[in-house]
């Protein structure tokens, strides 16, 4: 949910988010901001690796651009 909706990592410390999660499942224990950030960065690195492997298999070239 945090990654999908691009919420800030400190969302897990927000009072109403804690209340929301507690209402969904009182036994669920929220993780800290640092743990969440670490988990998200791990997922990012894993997906980045998958993308690089996929792109390496292509016979053609690609060009990536950004507009800041």
PDB file of N, CA and C in Angstrom:
ATOM      1  N   UNK A   1       0.829  -1.191   0.000  1.00  0.00           N
ATOM      2  CA  UNK A   1       0.000   0.000   0.000  1.00  0.00           C
ATOM      3  C   UNK A   1       0.876   1.258   0.000  1.00  0.00           C
ATOM      4  N   UNK A   2       1.903   1.250   0.799  1.00  0.00           N
ATOM      5  CA  UNK A   2       2.792   2.415   0.893  1.00  0.00           C
ATOM      6  C   UNK A   2       3.467   2.672  -0.457  1.00  0.00           C
ATOM      7  N   UNK A   3       3.970   1.607  -1.075  1.00  0.00           N
ATOM      8  CA  UNK A   3       4.648   1.755  -2.365  1.00  0.00           C
ATOM      9  C   UNK A   3       3.645   2.104  -3.456  1.00  0.00           C
ATOM     10  N   UNK A   4       2.554   1.367  -3.508  1.00  0.00           N
ATOM     11  CA  UNK A   4       1.543   1.536  -4.559  1.00  0.00           C
ATOM     12  C   UNK A   4       1.035   2.974  -4.623  1.00  0.00           C
ATOM     13  N   UNK A   5       0.753   3.567  -3.464  1.00  0.00           N
ATOM     14  CA  UNK A   5       0.168   4.908  -3.428  1.00  0.00           C
ATOM     15  C   UNK A   5       1.195   6.006  -3.161  1.00  0.00           C
ATOM     16  N   UNK A   6       2.478   5.609  -3.102  1.00  0.00           N
ATOM     17  CA  UNK A   6       3.576   6.559  -2.901  1.00  0.00           C
ATOM     18  C   UNK A   6       3.411   7.395  -1.631  1.00  0.00           C
ATOM     19  N   UNK A   7       2.966   6.738  -0.560  1.00  0.00           N
ATOM     20  CA  UNK A   7       2.849   7.418   0.729  1.00  0.00           C
ATOM     21  C   UNK A   7       4.236   7.596   1.339  1.00  0.00           C
ATOM     22  N   UNK A   8       4.410   8.614   2.168  1.00  0.00           N
ATOM     23  CA  UNK A   8       5.695   8.770   2.854  1.00  0.00           C
ATOM     24  C   UNK A   8       5.875   7.651   3.884  1.00  0.00           C
ATOM     25  N   UNK A   9       7.124   7.333   4.187  1.00  0.00           N
ATOM     26  CA  UNK A   9       7.400   6.250   5.125  1.00  0.00           C
ATOM     27  C   UNK A   9       6.839   6.523   6.520  1.00  0.00           C
ATOM     28  N   UNK A  10       6.746   7.793   6.903  1.00  0.00           N
ATOM     29  CA  UNK A  10       6.247   8.101   8.242  1.00  0.00           C
ATOM     30  C   UNK A  10       4.733   7.918   8.370  1.00  0.00           C
ATOM     31  N   UNK A  11       4.100   7.476   7.301  1.00  0.00           N
ATOM     32  CA  UNK A  11       2.659   7.191   7.335  1.00  0.00           C
ATOM     33  C   UNK A  11       2.342   6.181   8.438  1.00  0.00           C
ATOM     34  N   UNK A  12       3.247   5.232   8.675  1.00  0.00           N
ATOM     35  CA  UNK A  12       2.994   4.190   9.678  1.00  0.00           C
ATOM     36  C   UNK A  12       2.982   4.746  11.097  1.00  0.00           C
ATOM     37  N   UNK A  13       3.467   5.959  11.282  1.00  0.00           N
ATOM     38  CA  UNK A  13       3.470   6.573  12.607  1.00  0.00           C
ATOM     39  C   UNK A  13       2.294   7.524  12.814  1.00  0.00           C
ATOM     40  N   UNK A  14       1.494   7.718  11.775  1.00  0.00           N
ATOM     41  CA  UNK A  14       0.358   8.630  11.867  1.00  0.00           C
ATOM     42  C   UNK A  14      -0.728   8.024  12.759  1.00  0.00           C
ATOM     43  N   UNK A  15      -1.261   8.846  13.643  1.00  0.00           N
ATOM     44  CA  UNK A  15      -2.248   8.398  14.635  1.00  0.00           C
ATOM     45  C   UNK A  15      -3.448   7.705  13.994  1.00  0.00           C
ATOM     46  N   UNK A  16      -4.008   8.299  12.949  1.00  0.00           N
ATOM     47  CA  UNK A  16      -5.219   7.740  12.345  1.00  0.00           C
ATOM     48  C   UNK A  16      -4.927   6.503  11.498  1.00  0.00           C
ATOM     49  N   UNK A  17      -3.734   6.410  10.957  1.00  0.00           N
ATOM     50  CA  UNK A  17      -3.356   5.195  10.234  1.00  0.00           C
ATOM     51  C   UNK A  17      -3.249   4.030  11.213  1.00  0.00           C
ATOM     52  N   UNK A  18      -2.653   4.295  12.374  1.00  0.00           N
ATOM     53  CA  UNK A  18      -2.558   3.259  13.409  1.00  0.00           C
ATOM     54  C   UNK A  18      -3.951   2.807  13.843  1.00  0.00           C
ATOM     55  N   UNK A  19      -4.846   3.763  14.015  1.00  0.00           N
ATOM     56  CA  UNK A  19      -6.218   3.439  14.407  1.00  0.00           C
ATOM     57  C   UNK A  19      -6.909   2.620  13.313  1.00  0.00           C
ATOM     58  N   UNK A  20      -6.715   3.011  12.065  1.00  0.00           N
ATOM     59  CA  UNK A  20      -7.295   2.301  10.930  1.00  0.00           C
ATOM     60  C   UNK A  20      -6.827   0.845  10.901  1.00  0.00           C
ATOM     61  N   UNK A  21      -5.522   0.647  11.012  1.00  0.00           N
ATOM     62  CA  UNK A  21      -4.964  -0.707  10.980  1.00  0.00           C
ATOM     63  C   UNK A  21      -5.451  -1.513  12.177  1.00  0.00           C
ATOM     64  N   UNK A  22      -5.520  -0.885  13.328  1.00  0.00           N
ATOM     65  CA  UNK A  22      -5.999  -1.568  14.530  1.00  0.00           C
ATOM     66  C   UNK A  22      -7.452  -2.003  14.377  1.00  0.00           C
ATOM     67  N   UNK A  23      -8.258  -1.185  13.712  1.00  0.00           N
ATOM     68  CA  UNK A  23      -9.657  -1.559  13.482  1.00  0.00           C
ATOM     69  C   UNK A  23      -9.776  -2.717  12.496  1.00  0.00           C
ATOM     70  N   UNK A  24      -8.856  -2.806  11.560  1.00  0.00           N
ATOM     71  CA  UNK A  24      -8.863  -3.923  10.614  1.00  0.00           C
ATOM     72  C   UNK A  24      -8.466  -5.229  11.295  1.00  0.00           C
ATOM     73  N   UNK A  25      -7.405  -5.160  12.087  1.00  0.00           N
ATOM     74  CA  UNK A  25      -6.904  -6.347  12.775  1.00  0.00           C
ATOM     75  C   UNK A  25      -6.165  -5.914  14.043  1.00  0.00           C
ATOM     76  N   UNK A  26      -6.807  -6.015  15.191  1.00  0.00           N
ATOM     77  CA  UNK A  26      -6.189  -5.569  16.446  1.00  0.00           C
ATOM     78  C   UNK A  26      -4.894  -6.305  16.803  1.00  0.00           C
ATOM     79  N   UNK A  27      -4.680  -7.492  16.269  1.00  0.00           N
ATOM     80  CA  UNK A  27      -3.478  -8.266  16.595  1.00  0.00           C
ATOM     81  C   UNK A  27      -2.280  -7.895  15.722  1.00  0.00           C
ATOM     82  N   UNK A  28      -2.514  -7.112  14.673  1.00  0.00           N
ATOM     83  CA  UNK A  28      -1.430  -6.739  13.763  1.00  0.00           C
ATOM     84  C   UNK A  28      -0.542  -5.692  14.414  1.00  0.00           C
ATOM     85  N   UNK A  29       0.775  -5.906  14.325  1.00  0.00           N
ATOM     86  CA  UNK A  29       1.740  -4.957  14.879  1.00  0.00           C
ATOM     87  C   UNK A  29       2.400  -4.190  13.736  1.00  0.00           C
ATOM     88  N   UNK A  30       2.281  -2.877  13.778  1.00  0.00           N
ATOM     89  CA  UNK A  30       2.904  -2.038  12.752  1.00  0.00           C
ATOM     90  C   UNK A  30       4.416  -2.035  12.914  1.00  0.00           C
ATOM     91  N   UNK A  31       5.109  -1.869  11.795  1.00  0.00           N
ATOM     92  CA  UNK A  31       6.563  -1.779  11.816  1.00  0.00           C
ATOM     93  C   UNK A  31       6.980  -0.313  11.909  1.00  0.00           C
ATOM     94  N   UNK A  32       8.246  -0.082  12.193  1.00  0.00           N
ATOM     95  CA  UNK A  32       8.751   1.290  12.301  1.00  0.00           C
ATOM     96  C   UNK A  32       9.016   1.871  10.917  1.00  0.00           C
ATOM     97  N   UNK A  33       9.213   3.182  10.882  1.00  0.00           N
ATOM     98  CA  UNK A  33       9.562   3.873   9.624  1.00  0.00           C
ATOM     99  C   UNK A  33      10.840   3.303   9.027  1.00  0.00           C
ATOM    100  N   UNK A  34      11.828   3.067   9.870  1.00  0.00           N
ATOM    101  CA  UNK A  34      13.116   2.568   9.380  1.00  0.00           C
ATOM    102  C   UNK A  34      12.987   1.169   8.785  1.00  0.00           C
ATOM    103  N   UNK A  35      12.197   0.318   9.426  1.00  0.00           N
ATOM    104  CA  UNK A  35      11.976  -1.028   8.896  1.00  0.00           C
ATOM    105  C   UNK A  35      11.234  -0.956   7.574  1.00  0.00           C
ATOM    106  N   UNK A  36      10.225  -0.094   7.509  1.00  0.00           N
ATOM    107  CA  UNK A  36       9.457   0.076   6.276  1.00  0.00           C
ATOM    108  C   UNK A  36      10.362   0.558   5.143  1.00  0.00           C
ATOM    109  N   UNK A  37      11.196   1.546   5.433  1.00  0.00           N
ATOM    110  CA  UNK A  37      12.107   2.075   4.419  1.00  0.00           C
ATOM    111  C   UNK A  37      13.059   0.987   3.935  1.00  0.00           C
ATOM    112  N   UNK A  38      13.601   0.228   4.860  1.00  0.00           N
ATOM    113  CA  UNK A  38      14.514  -0.856   4.511  1.00  0.00           C
ATOM    114  C   UNK A  38      13.823  -1.905   3.643  1.00  0.00           C
ATOM    115  N   UNK A  39      12.607  -2.275   4.002  1.00  0.00           N
ATOM    116  CA  UNK A  39      11.844  -3.256   3.220  1.00  0.00           C
ATOM    117  C   UNK A  39      11.544  -2.733   1.815  1.00  0.00           C
ATOM    118  N   UNK A  40      11.141  -1.472   1.721  1.00  0.00           N
ATOM    119  CA  UNK A  40      10.828  -0.874   0.416  1.00  0.00           C
ATOM    120  C   UNK A  40      12.071  -0.784  -0.460  1.00  0.00           C
ATOM    121  N   UNK A  41      13.197  -0.414   0.130  1.00  0.00           N
ATOM    122  CA  UNK A  41      14.435  -0.329  -0.644  1.00  0.00           C
ATOM    123  C   UNK A  41      14.880  -1.715  -1.110  1.00  0.00           C
ATOM    124  N   UNK A  42      14.635  -2.733  -0.298  1.00  0.00           N
ATOM    125  CA  UNK A  42      14.940  -4.101  -0.703  1.00  0.00           C
ATOM    126  C   UNK A  42      14.109  -4.522  -1.901  1.00  0.00           C
ATOM    127  N   UNK A  43      12.820  -4.197  -1.868  1.00  0.00           N
ATOM    128  CA  UNK A  43      11.929  -4.497  -2.993  1.00  0.00           C
ATOM    129  C   UNK A  43      12.384  -3.734  -4.232  1.00  0.00           C
ATOM    130  N   UNK A  44      12.752  -2.464  -4.046  1.00  0.00           N
ATOM    131  CA  UNK A  44      13.233  -1.646  -5.168  1.00  0.00           C
ATOM    132  C   UNK A  44      14.467  -2.277  -5.819  1.00  0.00           C
ATOM    133  N   UNK A  45      15.434  -2.672  -5.001  1.00  0.00           N
ATOM    134  CA  UNK A  45      16.663  -3.264  -5.538  1.00  0.00           C
ATOM    135  C   UNK A  45      16.370  -4.578  -6.266  1.00  0.00           C
ATOM    136  N   UNK A  46      15.459  -5.371  -5.721  1.00  0.00           N
ATOM    137  CA  UNK A  46      15.086  -6.638  -6.353  1.00  0.00           C
ATOM    138  C   UNK A  46      14.431  -6.402  -7.716  1.00  0.00           C
ATOM    139  N   UNK A  47      13.495  -5.458  -7.771  1.00  0.00           N
ATOM    140  CA  UNK A  47      12.806  -5.155  -9.032  1.00  0.00           C
ATOM    141  C   UNK A  47      13.752  -4.512 -10.043  1.00  0.00           C
ATOM    142  N   UNK A  48      14.672  -3.704  -9.558  1.00  0.00           N
ATOM    143  CA  UNK A  48      15.674  -3.086 -10.431  1.00  0.00           C
ATOM    144  C   UNK A  48      16.541  -4.167 -11.076  1.00  0.00           C
ATOM    145  N   UNK A  49      16.931  -5.160 -10.287  1.00  0.00           N
ATOM    146  CA  UNK A  49      17.718  -6.269 -10.816  1.00  0.00           C
ATOM    147  C   UNK A  49      16.958  -7.045 -11.879  1.00  0.00           C
ATOM    148  N   UNK A  50      15.670  -7.281 -11.643  1.00  0.00           N
ATOM    149  CA  UNK A  50      14.837  -7.980 -12.630  1.00  0.00           C
ATOM    150  C   UNK A  50      14.762  -7.191 -13.932  1.00  0.00           C
ATOM    151  N   UNK A  51      14.621  -5.872 -13.815  1.00  0.00           N
ATOM    152  CA  UNK A  51      14.543  -5.022 -15.005  1.00  0.00           C
ATOM    153  C   UNK A  51      15.848  -5.059 -15.792  1.00  0.00           C
ATOM    154  N   UNK A  52      16.983  -4.964 -15.097  1.00  0.00           N
ATOM    155  CA  UNK A  52      18.282  -5.019 -15.774  1.00  0.00           C
ATOM    156  C   UNK A  52      18.470  -6.350 -16.493  1.00  0.00           C
ATOM    157  N   UNK A  53      18.077  -7.445 -15.862  1.00  0.00           N
ATOM    158  CA  UNK A  53      18.201  -8.761 -16.504  1.00  0.00           C
ATOM    159  C   UNK A  53      17.326  -8.830 -17.752  1.00  0.00           C
ATOM    160  N   UNK A  54      16.121  -8.289 -17.663  1.00  0.00           N
ATOM    161  CA  UNK A  54      15.219  -8.277 -18.810  1.00  0.00           C
ATOM    162  C   UNK A  54      15.800  -7.448 -19.949  1.00  0.00           C
ATOM    163  N   UNK A  55      16.304  -6.258 -19.624  1.00  0.00           N
ATOM    164  CA  UNK A  55      16.860  -5.373 -20.649  1.00  0.00           C
ATOM    165  C   UNK A  55      18.121  -5.961 -21.274  1.00  0.00           C
ATOM    166  N   UNK A  56      18.912  -6.685 -20.490  1.00  0.00           N
ATOM    167  CA  UNK A  56      20.123  -7.317 -21.030  1.00  0.00           C
ATOM    168  C   UNK A  56      19.803  -8.372 -22.077  1.00  0.00           C
ATOM    169  N   UNK A  57      18.634  -8.971 -21.991  1.00  0.00           N
ATOM    170  CA  UNK A  57      18.243 -10.025 -22.933  1.00  0.00           C
ATOM    171  C   UNK A  57      17.762  -9.472 -24.272  1.00  0.00           C
ATOM    172  N   UNK A  58      17.480  -8.180 -24.340  1.00  0.00           N
ATOM    173  CA  UNK A  58      16.985  -7.585 -25.583  1.00  0.00           C
ATOM    174  C   UNK A  58      18.100  -7.500 -26.617  1.00  0.00           C
ATOM    175  N   UNK A  59      17.740  -7.761 -27.860  1.00  0.00           N
ATOM    176  CA  UNK A  59      18.707  -7.661 -28.953  1.00  0.00           C
ATOM    177  C   UNK A  59      18.853  -6.225 -29.453  1.00  0.00           C
ATOM    178  N   UNK A  60      17.902  -5.397 -29.136  1.00  0.00           N
ATOM    179  CA  UNK A  60      17.918  -4.016 -29.620  1.00  0.00           C
ATOM    180  C   UNK A  60      18.387  -3.072 -28.516  1.00  0.00           C
ATOM    181  N   UNK A  61      18.523  -1.828 -28.884  1.00  0.00           N
ATOM    182  CA  UNK A  61      18.920  -0.790 -27.932  1.00  0.00           C
ATOM    183  C   UNK A  61      17.691  -0.018 -27.485  1.00  0.00           C
ATOM    184  N   UNK A  62      17.792   0.567 -26.309  1.00  0.00           N
ATOM    185  CA  UNK A  62      16.722   1.435 -25.826  1.00  0.00           C
ATOM    186  C   UNK A  62      17.343   2.737 -25.341  1.00  0.00           C
ATOM    187  N   UNK A  63      16.516   3.746 -25.290  1.00  0.00           N
ATOM    188  CA  UNK A  63      16.954   5.037 -24.788  1.00  0.00           C
ATOM    189  C   UNK A  63      15.940   5.506 -23.754  1.00  0.00           C
ATOM    190  N   UNK A  64      16.425   5.806 -22.574  1.00  0.00           N
ATOM    191  CA  UNK A  64      15.546   6.292 -21.506  1.00  0.00           C
ATOM    192  C   UNK A  64      15.812   7.779 -21.296  1.00  0.00           C
ATOM    193  N   UNK A  65      14.751   8.556 -21.253  1.00  0.00           N
ATOM    194  CA  UNK A  65      14.882   9.988 -21.011  1.00  0.00           C
ATOM    195  C   UNK A  65      13.941  10.396 -19.894  1.00  0.00           C
ATOM    196  N   UNK A  66      14.262  11.499 -19.261  1.00  0.00           N
ATOM    197  CA  UNK A  66      13.390  12.054 -18.231  1.00  0.00           C
ATOM    198  C   UNK A  66      13.224  13.536 -18.474  1.00  0.00           C
ATOM    199  N   UNK A  67      12.172  14.074 -17.942  1.00  0.00           N
ATOM    200  CA  UNK A  67      11.921  15.505 -18.025  1.00  0.00           C
ATOM    201  C   UNK A  67      11.778  16.011 -16.602  1.00  0.00           C
ATOM    202  N   UNK A  68      12.715  16.827 -16.177  1.00  0.00           N
ATOM    203  CA  UNK A  68      12.682  17.332 -14.804  1.00  0.00           C
ATOM    204  C   UNK A  68      11.973  18.644 -14.712  1.00  0.00           C
TER     205      UNK A  68
END
